[in-house]
């Protein structure tokens, strides 16, 4: 390998190393800044493993003399939509809890350690939970990032850093639906 090739390889490695170690910060609509870190794909796999997709009901079709699944059953369609929402919210929660950390909170926003925002959410009927993680999750969702695009910006930054492309996320979501009918696939 020539001296030029060696130098080029060293420069390329240095650039890649810098990009891998580059800190990503997401600024929310409130001015709160969160550090973004990649999350383990095992976490999302475990979440989906624990939340089983509903199975369509089986109905007897007298004309053909056999039973078949009915993916158009309204109760099943609703159950699939609820399941999809549970998975989506679970992934968002994982992304926030495992993929972010507080860098900066402006004086205009209640600090995570404050009791004021907890009191406000309690009065509103929002159950925050008692663990540090559930408290952090509620603070990000309701106090630090209430803007229309805040959670989407967090999710996009973490999934990008985790090596998941927007197209892969879209393909996963599309896999749930039959393209012709829009009905959840069985």
C-alpha atoms as a PDB file:
ATOM      1  CA  UNK A   1       0.000   0.000   0.000  1.00  0.00           C
ATOM      2  CA  UNK A   2       1.389   3.389  -0.949  1.00  0.00           C
ATOM      3  CA  UNK A   3       1.892   6.230   1.500  1.00  0.00           C
ATOM      4  CA  UNK A   4      -1.050   8.112  -0.089  1.00  0.00           C
ATOM      5  CA  UNK A   5      -3.353   5.085   0.277  1.00  0.00           C
ATOM      6  CA  UNK A   6      -2.316   4.687   3.908  1.00  0.00           C
ATOM      7  CA  UNK A   7      -3.008   8.375   4.621  1.00  0.00           C
ATOM      8  CA  UNK A   8      -6.390   8.173   2.849  1.00  0.00           C
ATOM      9  CA  UNK A   9      -7.353   5.118   4.878  1.00  0.00           C
ATOM     10  CA  UNK A  10      -6.311   6.847   8.112  1.00  0.00           C
ATOM     11  CA  UNK A  11      -8.340   9.956   7.235  1.00  0.00           C
ATOM     12  CA  UNK A  12     -11.378   7.877   6.306  1.00  0.00           C
ATOM     13  CA  UNK A  13     -11.135   5.924   9.559  1.00  0.00           C
ATOM     14  CA  UNK A  14     -10.809   9.143  11.553  1.00  0.00           C
ATOM     15  CA  UNK A  15     -13.912  10.596   9.849  1.00  0.00           C
ATOM     16  CA  UNK A  16     -15.927   7.437  10.522  1.00  0.00           C
ATOM     17  CA  UNK A  17     -14.748   7.345  14.119  1.00  0.00           C
ATOM     18  CA  UNK A  18     -15.705  10.990  14.607  1.00  0.00           C
ATOM     19  CA  UNK A  19     -19.146  10.407  13.097  1.00  0.00           C
ATOM     20  CA  UNK A  20     -19.762   7.373  15.313  1.00  0.00           C
ATOM     21  CA  UNK A  21     -18.801   9.297  18.437  1.00  0.00           C
ATOM     22  CA  UNK A  22     -20.586  12.484  17.377  1.00  0.00           C
ATOM     23  CA  UNK A  23     -23.112  13.548  19.951  1.00  0.00           C
ATOM     24  CA  UNK A  24     -26.580  14.193  18.597  1.00  0.00           C
ATOM     25  CA  UNK A  25     -28.740  16.720  20.366  1.00  0.00           C
ATOM     26  CA  UNK A  26     -32.440  17.220  19.721  1.00  0.00           C
ATOM     27  CA  UNK A  27     -33.886  20.583  20.715  1.00  0.00           C
ATOM     28  CA  UNK A  28     -37.578  20.416  21.568  1.00  0.00           C
ATOM     29  CA  UNK A  29     -40.184  23.149  21.060  1.00  0.00           C
ATOM     30  CA  UNK A  30     -39.785  24.212  24.707  1.00  0.00           C
ATOM     31  CA  UNK A  31     -36.036  24.746  24.337  1.00  0.00           C
ATOM     32  CA  UNK A  32     -35.220  21.545  26.246  1.00  0.00           C
ATOM     33  CA  UNK A  33     -32.247  19.746  24.715  1.00  0.00           C
ATOM     34  CA  UNK A  34     -31.926  15.972  24.822  1.00  0.00           C
ATOM     35  CA  UNK A  35     -28.865  13.861  24.004  1.00  0.00           C
ATOM     36  CA  UNK A  36     -29.744  11.042  21.646  1.00  0.00           C
ATOM     37  CA  UNK A  37     -28.118   7.617  21.844  1.00  0.00           C
ATOM     38  CA  UNK A  38     -28.799   4.406  19.907  1.00  0.00           C
ATOM     39  CA  UNK A  39     -31.063   1.776  21.412  1.00  0.00           C
ATOM     40  CA  UNK A  40     -30.665  -1.965  21.232  1.00  0.00           C
ATOM     41  CA  UNK A  41     -32.855  -3.712  18.660  1.00  0.00           C
ATOM     42  CA  UNK A  42     -33.318  -6.429  21.270  1.00  0.00           C
ATOM     43  CA  UNK A  43     -35.500  -4.041  23.287  1.00  0.00           C
ATOM     44  CA  UNK A  44     -37.983  -3.547  20.470  1.00  0.00           C
ATOM     45  CA  UNK A  45     -37.889  -7.244  19.572  1.00  0.00           C
ATOM     46  CA  UNK A  46     -38.719  -8.138  23.173  1.00  0.00           C
ATOM     47  CA  UNK A  47     -41.566  -5.632  23.201  1.00  0.00           C
ATOM     48  CA  UNK A  48     -43.136  -7.096  20.070  1.00  0.00           C
ATOM     49  CA  UNK A  49     -42.580 -10.640  21.342  1.00  0.00           C
ATOM     50  CA  UNK A  50     -44.517  -9.861  24.516  1.00  0.00           C
ATOM     51  CA  UNK A  51     -47.411  -8.259  22.665  1.00  0.00           C
ATOM     52  CA  UNK A  52     -48.810 -10.977  20.450  1.00  0.00           C
ATOM     53  CA  UNK A  53     -50.731  -9.965  17.361  1.00  0.00           C
ATOM     54  CA  UNK A  54     -54.426 -10.863  17.661  1.00  0.00           C
ATOM     55  CA  UNK A  55     -55.559 -13.877  15.686  1.00  0.00           C
ATOM     56  CA  UNK A  56     -58.567 -13.599  13.396  1.00  0.00           C
ATOM     57  CA  UNK A  57     -61.677 -15.517  14.341  1.00  0.00           C
ATOM     58  CA  UNK A  58     -62.424 -18.733  12.518  1.00  0.00           C
ATOM     59  CA  UNK A  59     -65.880 -19.084  11.009  1.00  0.00           C
ATOM     60  CA  UNK A  60     -67.626 -22.016   9.404  1.00  0.00           C
ATOM     61  CA  UNK A  61     -68.544 -21.399   5.768  1.00  0.00           C
ATOM     62  CA  UNK A  62     -71.419 -23.743   5.018  1.00  0.00           C
ATOM     63  CA  UNK A  63     -71.210 -23.281   1.230  1.00  0.00           C
ATOM     64  CA  UNK A  64     -67.714 -24.759   1.056  1.00  0.00           C
ATOM     65  CA  UNK A  65     -68.024 -27.005   4.093  1.00  0.00           C
ATOM     66  CA  UNK A  66     -64.983 -25.780   6.006  1.00  0.00           C
ATOM     67  CA  UNK A  67     -63.804 -23.200   8.484  1.00  0.00           C
ATOM     68  CA  UNK A  68     -61.707 -20.199   7.484  1.00  0.00           C
ATOM     69  CA  UNK A  69     -60.221 -17.196   9.194  1.00  0.00           C
ATOM     70  CA  UNK A  70     -62.233 -13.983   8.942  1.00  0.00           C
ATOM     71  CA  UNK A  71     -59.787 -11.050   8.880  1.00  0.00           C
ATOM     72  CA  UNK A  72     -62.683  -8.644   8.181  1.00  0.00           C
ATOM     73  CA  UNK A  73     -64.422  -9.325  11.485  1.00  0.00           C
ATOM     74  CA  UNK A  74     -64.986  -5.864  13.047  1.00  0.00           C
ATOM     75  CA  UNK A  75     -63.922  -7.001  16.520  1.00  0.00           C
ATOM     76  CA  UNK A  76     -60.710  -8.440  15.074  1.00  0.00           C
ATOM     77  CA  UNK A  77     -60.009  -5.324  12.972  1.00  0.00           C
ATOM     78  CA  UNK A  78     -60.387  -3.169  16.106  1.00  0.00           C
ATOM     79  CA  UNK A  79     -58.173  -5.540  18.107  1.00  0.00           C
ATOM     80  CA  UNK A  80     -55.438  -5.275  15.443  1.00  0.00           C
ATOM     81  CA  UNK A  81     -55.659  -1.471  15.451  1.00  0.00           C
ATOM     82  CA  UNK A  82     -55.390  -1.468  19.256  1.00  0.00           C
ATOM     83  CA  UNK A  83     -52.430  -3.874  19.062  1.00  0.00           C
ATOM     84  CA  UNK A  84     -50.688  -1.655  16.489  1.00  0.00           C
ATOM     85  CA  UNK A  85     -51.205   1.380  18.744  1.00  0.00           C
ATOM     86  CA  UNK A  86     -49.853  -0.529  21.767  1.00  0.00           C
ATOM     87  CA  UNK A  87     -46.738  -1.568  19.813  1.00  0.00           C
ATOM     88  CA  UNK A  88     -46.229   1.953  18.469  1.00  0.00           C
ATOM     89  CA  UNK A  89     -46.576   3.568  21.899  1.00  0.00           C
ATOM     90  CA  UNK A  90     -44.346   0.911  23.433  1.00  0.00           C
ATOM     91  CA  UNK A  91     -41.608   1.577  20.873  1.00  0.00           C
ATOM     92  CA  UNK A  92     -41.905   5.348  21.381  1.00  0.00           C
ATOM     93  CA  UNK A  93     -41.620   4.850  25.139  1.00  0.00           C
ATOM     94  CA  UNK A  94     -38.546   2.642  24.690  1.00  0.00           C
ATOM     95  CA  UNK A  95     -36.979   5.203  22.389  1.00  0.00           C
ATOM     96  CA  UNK A  96     -37.502   8.012  24.895  1.00  0.00           C
ATOM     97  CA  UNK A  97     -36.385   6.084  27.977  1.00  0.00           C
ATOM     98  CA  UNK A  98     -33.454   4.198  26.447  1.00  0.00           C
ATOM     99  CA  UNK A  99     -32.430   6.619  23.715  1.00  0.00           C
ATOM    100  CA  UNK A 100     -32.439  10.064  25.324  1.00  0.00           C
ATOM    101  CA  UNK A 101     -30.972  11.997  28.230  1.00  0.00           C
ATOM    102  CA  UNK A 102     -31.366  15.580  29.426  1.00  0.00           C
ATOM    103  CA  UNK A 103     -28.673  18.045  28.381  1.00  0.00           C
ATOM    104  CA  UNK A 104     -30.357  21.404  29.016  1.00  0.00           C
ATOM    105  CA  UNK A 105     -33.613  22.695  30.519  1.00  0.00           C
ATOM    106  CA  UNK A 106     -34.431  26.397  30.148  1.00  0.00           C
ATOM    107  CA  UNK A 107     -35.734  28.313  33.166  1.00  0.00           C
ATOM    108  CA  UNK A 108     -39.149  28.541  31.503  1.00  0.00           C
ATOM    109  CA  UNK A 109     -39.696  24.750  31.767  1.00  0.00           C
ATOM    110  CA  UNK A 110     -40.309  22.802  34.980  1.00  0.00           C
ATOM    111  CA  UNK A 111     -37.222  20.750  35.751  1.00  0.00           C
ATOM    112  CA  UNK A 112     -37.463  16.977  35.833  1.00  0.00           C
ATOM    113  CA  UNK A 113     -36.749  17.074  39.588  1.00  0.00           C
ATOM    114  CA  UNK A 114     -39.569  19.566  40.236  1.00  0.00           C
ATOM    115  CA  UNK A 115     -42.793  18.466  41.903  1.00  0.00           C
ATOM    116  CA  UNK A 116     -44.857  21.201  40.200  1.00  0.00           C
ATOM    117  CA  UNK A 117     -45.348  19.388  36.905  1.00  0.00           C
ATOM    118  CA  UNK A 118     -46.181  16.151  38.742  1.00  0.00           C
ATOM    119  CA  UNK A 119     -48.941  17.946  40.651  1.00  0.00           C
ATOM    120  CA  UNK A 120     -50.321  19.398  37.409  1.00  0.00           C
ATOM    121  CA  UNK A 121     -50.404  16.012  35.701  1.00  0.00           C
ATOM    122  CA  UNK A 122     -51.978  14.367  38.756  1.00  0.00           C
ATOM    123  CA  UNK A 123     -54.779  16.944  38.753  1.00  0.00           C
ATOM    124  CA  UNK A 124     -55.237  16.262  35.022  1.00  0.00           C
ATOM    125  CA  UNK A 125     -55.637  12.536  35.691  1.00  0.00           C
ATOM    126  CA  UNK A 126     -52.337  11.473  34.098  1.00  0.00           C
ATOM    127  CA  UNK A 127     -50.754   8.543  35.943  1.00  0.00           C
ATOM    128  CA  UNK A 128     -47.021   9.159  35.976  1.00  0.00           C
ATOM    129  CA  UNK A 129     -45.979   6.076  37.918  1.00  0.00           C
ATOM    130  CA  UNK A 130     -43.373   5.934  40.654  1.00  0.00           C
ATOM    131  CA  UNK A 131     -40.137   4.815  39.002  1.00  0.00           C
ATOM    132  CA  UNK A 132     -37.492   7.235  37.765  1.00  0.00           C
ATOM    133  CA  UNK A 133     -37.949   5.924  34.232  1.00  0.00           C
ATOM    134  CA  UNK A 134     -41.724   6.428  34.238  1.00  0.00           C
ATOM    135  CA  UNK A 135     -41.254   9.910  35.702  1.00  0.00           C
ATOM    136  CA  UNK A 136     -38.694  10.772  32.992  1.00  0.00           C
ATOM    137  CA  UNK A 137     -40.970   9.395  30.262  1.00  0.00           C
ATOM    138  CA  UNK A 138     -43.926  11.488  31.454  1.00  0.00           C
ATOM    139  CA  UNK A 139     -41.759  14.597  31.768  1.00  0.00           C
ATOM    140  CA  UNK A 140     -40.471  14.266  28.193  1.00  0.00           C
ATOM    141  CA  UNK A 141     -43.901  13.507  26.713  1.00  0.00           C
ATOM    142  CA  UNK A 142     -45.950  16.101  28.595  1.00  0.00           C
ATOM    143  CA  UNK A 143     -43.584  18.837  29.782  1.00  0.00           C
ATOM    144  CA  UNK A 144     -40.350  18.915  27.777  1.00  0.00           C
ATOM    145  CA  UNK A 145     -41.777  17.854  24.414  1.00  0.00           C
ATOM    146  CA  UNK A 146     -45.439  18.833  24.085  1.00  0.00           C
ATOM    147  CA  UNK A 147     -44.999  20.287  20.586  1.00  0.00           C
ATOM    148  CA  UNK A 148     -46.605  18.734  17.550  1.00  0.00           C
ATOM    149  CA  UNK A 149     -43.306  17.377  16.169  1.00  0.00           C
ATOM    150  CA  UNK A 150     -41.266  16.884  19.351  1.00  0.00           C
ATOM    151  CA  UNK A 151     -41.806  13.139  19.810  1.00  0.00           C
ATOM    152  CA  UNK A 152     -41.423  12.526  16.059  1.00  0.00           C
ATOM    153  CA  UNK A 153     -38.104  14.418  16.090  1.00  0.00           C
ATOM    154  CA  UNK A 154     -36.870  12.337  19.037  1.00  0.00           C
ATOM    155  CA  UNK A 155     -38.005   9.101  17.401  1.00  0.00           C
ATOM    156  CA  UNK A 156     -36.395   9.985  14.064  1.00  0.00           C
ATOM    157  CA  UNK A 157     -33.080  10.943  15.677  1.00  0.00           C
ATOM    158  CA  UNK A 158     -32.869   7.789  17.806  1.00  0.00           C
ATOM    159  CA  UNK A 159     -33.900   5.415  15.020  1.00  0.00           C
ATOM    160  CA  UNK A 160     -31.417   7.040  12.637  1.00  0.00           C
ATOM    161  CA  UNK A 161     -28.642   6.764  15.214  1.00  0.00           C
ATOM    162  CA  UNK A 162     -29.658   3.152  15.896  1.00  0.00           C
ATOM    163  CA  UNK A 163     -29.231   2.362  12.211  1.00  0.00           C
ATOM    164  CA  UNK A 164     -32.916   2.082  11.429  1.00  0.00           C
ATOM    165  CA  UNK A 165     -33.934   4.048   8.351  1.00  0.00           C
ATOM    166  CA  UNK A 166     -37.248   5.838   7.947  1.00  0.00           C
ATOM    167  CA  UNK A 167     -37.952   3.525   5.018  1.00  0.00           C
ATOM    168  CA  UNK A 168     -37.487   0.437   7.236  1.00  0.00           C
ATOM    169  CA  UNK A 169     -39.916   1.864   9.790  1.00  0.00           C
ATOM    170  CA  UNK A 170     -42.433   2.596   7.021  1.00  0.00           C
ATOM    171  CA  UNK A 171     -41.980  -0.906   5.556  1.00  0.00           C
ATOM    172  CA  UNK A 172     -42.620  -2.472   8.957  1.00  0.00           C
ATOM    173  CA  UNK A 173     -45.809  -0.429   9.347  1.00  0.00           C
ATOM    174  CA  UNK A 174     -46.923  -1.299   5.802  1.00  0.00           C
ATOM    175  CA  UNK A 175     -46.405  -4.997   6.503  1.00  0.00           C
ATOM    176  CA  UNK A 176     -49.386  -4.805   8.861  1.00  0.00           C
ATOM    177  CA  UNK A 177     -51.780  -3.831   6.102  1.00  0.00           C
ATOM    178  CA  UNK A 178     -52.968  -5.479   2.932  1.00  0.00           C
ATOM    179  CA  UNK A 179     -52.087  -2.924   0.239  1.00  0.00           C
ATOM    180  CA  UNK A 180     -55.254  -3.428  -1.810  1.00  0.00           C
ATOM    181  CA  UNK A 181     -57.879  -3.244   0.911  1.00  0.00           C
ATOM    182  CA  UNK A 182     -56.232  -1.323   3.739  1.00  0.00           C
ATOM    183  CA  UNK A 183     -57.398  -4.111   6.039  1.00  0.00           C
ATOM    184  CA  UNK A 184     -54.851  -5.459   8.528  1.00  0.00           C
ATOM    185  CA  UNK A 185     -53.264  -8.554   7.093  1.00  0.00           C
ATOM    186  CA  UNK A 186     -53.884 -11.794   9.004  1.00  0.00           C
END
